[in-house]
Protein backbone atom coordinates (compact mmCIF):
# COMPACT_ATOMS: atom_id res chain seq x y z
CA PRO A 1 3.32 1.30 -21.05
CA ASP A 2 -0.17 1.13 -19.49
CA ARG A 3 -1.16 4.44 -17.88
CA GLN A 4 -4.92 3.96 -17.87
CA GLU A 5 -6.55 4.71 -14.51
CA LEU A 6 -7.44 1.72 -12.38
CA TRP A 7 -10.55 1.32 -10.22
CA ASN A 8 -10.64 3.89 -7.43
CA ILE A 9 -10.06 1.68 -4.38
CA TYR A 10 -9.76 4.81 -2.24
CA GLN A 11 -13.36 5.67 -3.18
CA THR A 12 -12.67 9.39 -3.42
CA LYS A 13 -11.65 11.75 -6.18
CA HIS A 14 -9.31 13.40 -3.66
CA ALA A 15 -6.89 10.47 -3.26
CA ILE A 16 -3.25 11.51 -2.80
CA VAL A 17 -0.26 9.16 -2.65
CA GLN A 18 3.39 9.37 -1.77
CA PHE A 19 5.88 6.51 -1.78
CA GLY A 20 9.48 5.92 -0.85
CA PHE A 21 11.67 5.21 2.15
CA GLY A 22 10.43 6.70 5.42
CA PHE A 23 12.99 9.29 6.39
CA GLY A 24 12.27 12.64 8.04
CA TYR A 25 13.31 14.69 5.04
CA LYS A 26 10.48 13.14 2.96
CA GLY A 27 8.11 15.73 4.45
CA VAL A 28 5.26 13.39 5.34
CA ASP A 29 4.48 15.57 8.37
CA ARG A 30 4.16 18.56 5.99
CA ALA A 31 1.71 16.56 3.88
CA ILE A 32 -0.33 15.63 6.96
CA ASP A 33 -0.55 19.33 7.92
CA ALA A 34 -1.71 20.19 4.38
CA VAL A 35 -4.44 17.52 4.53
CA HIS A 36 -5.56 18.89 7.89
CA LYS A 37 -5.69 22.42 6.51
CA LEU A 38 -7.82 21.39 3.52
CA LYS A 39 -10.15 19.29 5.66
CA THR A 40 -10.74 22.08 8.18
CA THR A 41 -10.83 25.12 5.88
CA LYS A 42 -12.85 23.53 3.05
CA PRO A 43 -15.02 20.89 4.74
CA ASP A 44 -17.69 21.18 2.03
CA VAL A 45 -15.11 19.97 -0.54
CA TYR A 46 -12.74 17.74 1.45
CA ASP A 47 -14.76 16.35 4.37
CA GLY A 48 -18.01 15.18 2.83
CA PRO A 49 -19.37 11.71 3.61
CA GLU A 50 -18.85 10.60 0.01
CA ASP A 51 -15.61 12.35 -0.89
CA LYS A 52 -13.10 12.90 1.91
CA ILE A 53 -9.55 13.94 1.23
CA PHE A 54 -7.35 10.86 1.61
CA TYR A 55 -3.55 10.68 1.76
CA CYS A 56 -1.75 7.35 1.68
CA TYR A 57 1.99 7.15 2.30
CA TYR A 58 3.52 3.90 1.09
CA CYS A 59 6.59 3.66 3.27
CA SER A 60 8.93 1.38 1.29
CA GLU A 61 10.52 -0.83 3.87
CA ASN A 62 13.33 -3.34 3.95
CA PRO A 63 15.29 -4.96 6.82
CA HIS A 64 17.89 -2.14 6.78
CA THR A 65 15.34 0.66 7.27
CA ARG A 66 12.85 -1.00 9.65
CA ASN A 67 14.22 0.51 12.89
CA ILE A 68 14.47 4.05 11.51
CA HIS A 69 10.99 3.77 10.05
CA SER A 70 9.53 2.59 13.36
CA GLU A 71 10.49 5.83 15.09
CA TYR A 72 9.43 8.06 12.21
CA VAL A 73 6.07 6.33 11.68
CA LYS A 74 5.34 6.39 15.43
CA THR A 75 5.75 10.19 15.42
CA LEU A 76 3.59 10.52 12.30
CA ASN A 77 0.82 8.32 13.73
CA GLU A 78 0.74 10.42 16.89
CA LYS A 79 0.31 13.52 14.73
CA ILE A 80 -2.47 11.88 12.68
CA GLU A 81 -4.32 10.97 15.87
CA LYS A 82 -3.84 14.42 17.43
CA LEU A 83 -5.18 16.20 14.32
CA GLY A 84 -8.19 13.87 14.01
CA LEU A 85 -7.11 12.49 10.64
CA VAL A 86 -7.44 8.74 11.24
CA ASP A 87 -10.03 8.55 8.43
CA ASN A 88 -7.95 10.71 6.09
CA VAL A 89 -4.34 9.55 6.39
CA VAL A 90 -2.83 6.08 6.36
CA ILE A 91 0.76 4.86 6.35
CA ILE A 92 1.48 1.44 4.85
CA ARG A 93 4.87 -0.04 5.68
CA LYS A 94 6.03 -2.66 3.19
CA TRP A 95 8.31 -3.19 0.24
CA ASN A 96 6.47 -2.54 -3.04
CA THR A 97 7.42 -4.02 -6.39
CA ASP A 98 7.62 -1.84 -9.50
CA GLN A 99 4.26 -3.22 -10.66
CA GLU A 100 2.66 -2.46 -7.29
CA ILE A 101 3.97 1.13 -7.45
CA ASN A 102 2.59 1.51 -10.97
CA ASN A 103 -0.80 0.21 -9.80
CA ILE A 104 -0.77 2.54 -6.78
CA LEU A 105 -0.10 5.52 -9.04
CA ARG A 106 -2.77 4.54 -11.55
CA THR A 107 -5.33 4.24 -8.74
CA ALA A 108 -4.74 7.60 -7.03
CA LYS A 109 -5.48 11.09 -8.38
CA LEU A 110 -2.35 12.99 -7.30
CA ALA A 111 1.22 12.18 -6.21
CA ILE A 112 3.13 14.48 -3.87
CA PHE A 113 6.78 14.71 -2.86
CA PRO A 114 6.94 17.38 -0.12
CA TYR A 115 10.63 16.77 0.69
CA LEU A 116 12.39 19.12 3.09
CA ILE A 117 15.80 20.73 2.71
CA ASN A 118 18.28 19.92 5.43
CA PRO A 119 20.67 22.91 5.46
CA GLY A 120 23.43 20.75 6.96
CA ASN A 121 23.20 18.25 4.15
CA VAL A 122 24.35 18.79 0.57
CA VAL A 123 22.41 16.56 -1.81
CA TYR A 124 23.57 15.53 -5.26
CA GLY A 125 20.98 13.54 -7.10
CA ALA A 126 17.41 13.41 -8.29
CA SER A 127 14.14 11.81 -7.26
CA GLY A 128 13.50 8.50 -8.98
CA ALA A 129 10.05 8.27 -7.35
CA LEU A 130 8.96 11.50 -9.02
CA ARG A 131 10.05 10.27 -12.45
CA ILE A 132 8.19 6.98 -11.98
CA SER A 133 5.08 9.01 -11.16
CA PHE A 134 5.56 11.13 -14.30
CA ALA A 135 5.76 7.97 -16.40
CA ASN A 136 2.44 6.78 -14.96
CA GLY A 137 0.64 9.96 -16.07
CA ILE A 138 -0.45 11.17 -12.63
CA PRO A 139 -0.18 14.89 -11.77
CA CYS A 140 2.69 15.56 -9.35
CA ILE A 141 3.59 18.21 -6.80
CA ALA A 142 7.16 18.41 -5.48
CA SER A 143 8.84 20.87 -3.11
CA GLU A 144 11.73 23.30 -2.80
CA SER A 145 14.17 20.37 -2.41
CA HIS A 146 17.15 20.46 -4.78
CA LEU A 147 16.25 16.94 -5.89
CA PHE A 148 13.70 18.62 -8.21
CA ASP A 149 15.77 21.54 -9.54
CA GLU A 150 16.18 20.25 -13.08
CA ILE A 151 12.46 19.88 -13.83
CA PRO A 152 10.81 22.98 -15.35
CA GLY A 153 7.24 24.00 -14.51
CA LEU A 154 6.90 21.67 -11.55
CA PRO A 155 4.85 23.02 -8.60
CA ARG A 156 7.27 23.37 -5.67
CA PRO A 157 5.49 24.58 -2.52
CA THR A 158 7.71 25.35 0.47
CA ASP A 159 5.41 24.68 3.44
CA ALA A 160 2.13 23.00 4.43
CA ASP A 161 0.00 26.05 3.57
CA SER A 162 1.37 26.43 0.05
CA LEU A 163 1.17 22.63 -0.43
CA ALA A 164 -2.52 22.72 0.55
CA LEU A 165 -3.13 25.53 -1.97
CA GLU A 166 -1.40 23.57 -4.72
CA ILE A 167 -3.31 20.35 -3.93
CA ASP A 168 -6.58 22.30 -4.03
CA LYS A 169 -5.60 23.86 -7.36
CA VAL A 170 -4.94 20.45 -8.96
CA PHE A 171 -8.26 19.05 -7.71
CA ALA A 172 -10.30 22.16 -8.58
CA ASP A 173 -8.93 23.02 -12.02
CA TRP A 174 -8.85 20.20 -14.58
CA LYS A 175 -7.11 22.45 -17.14
CA TYR A 176 -4.28 23.06 -14.68
CA LYS A 177 -4.08 19.33 -13.93
CA ASP A 178 -3.94 18.48 -17.65
CA ARG A 179 -1.24 21.12 -18.20
CA LEU A 180 0.88 19.55 -15.43
CA ILE A 181 0.52 16.09 -16.97
CA ALA A 182 1.44 17.45 -20.42
CA GLN A 183 4.61 19.08 -18.99
CA GLN A 184 5.50 15.84 -17.23
CA ASP A 185 4.95 13.83 -20.43
CA LYS A 186 7.26 16.19 -22.31
CA TYR A 187 9.92 15.76 -19.62
CA CYS A 188 9.65 11.97 -19.97
CA GLU A 189 9.89 12.22 -23.75
CA ASP A 190 12.93 14.55 -23.58
CA ASN A 191 14.69 12.33 -21.02
CA ASN A 192 13.80 8.79 -22.04
CA TRP A 193 16.46 6.04 -22.23
CA GLU A 194 17.13 6.58 -25.95
CA VAL A 195 17.67 10.31 -25.54
CA SER A 196 19.81 9.76 -22.45
CA ALA A 197 21.93 7.17 -24.28
CA ASP A 198 22.48 9.61 -27.20
């Protein structure tokens, strides 16, 4: 019910978040590449002393996923170090309550879900994380993953370069950002619990 922005603890207007279990298909490495591209190709916008691009992945962890996450996060941290992004990317491993997720989303400026398609894996389902983000009124970018097929008008970049372009578009064009949020709000209205029950 409360979608008002919270204080910007990230201290940048270019704060991006992603949350969910830490599996390879979540595309966190794609997001890291997109952050690197923006930082290096537009340093005047995304690498200033006051307003760096910042991506925080909240890796939702429980005892069943800890071992898998350890390997995945180790690989991601090596990539972050190699690309010189230690001031721009952070991975936080912990279980987050619904209220914590809501607060995370109301603090950041953009939520991304750059999931990958595994051709050997048929997926039936949808992304709950994306819908939670919609409900919190934060602009969202998804991917070509079939988990997002049913949502019209959603940006769905297919690689790090197109993800970087889409991130830049959201940050640079407030009309585009507002249009995304309006589409997301309509989706929430058309698919709320009452409508679904009917």
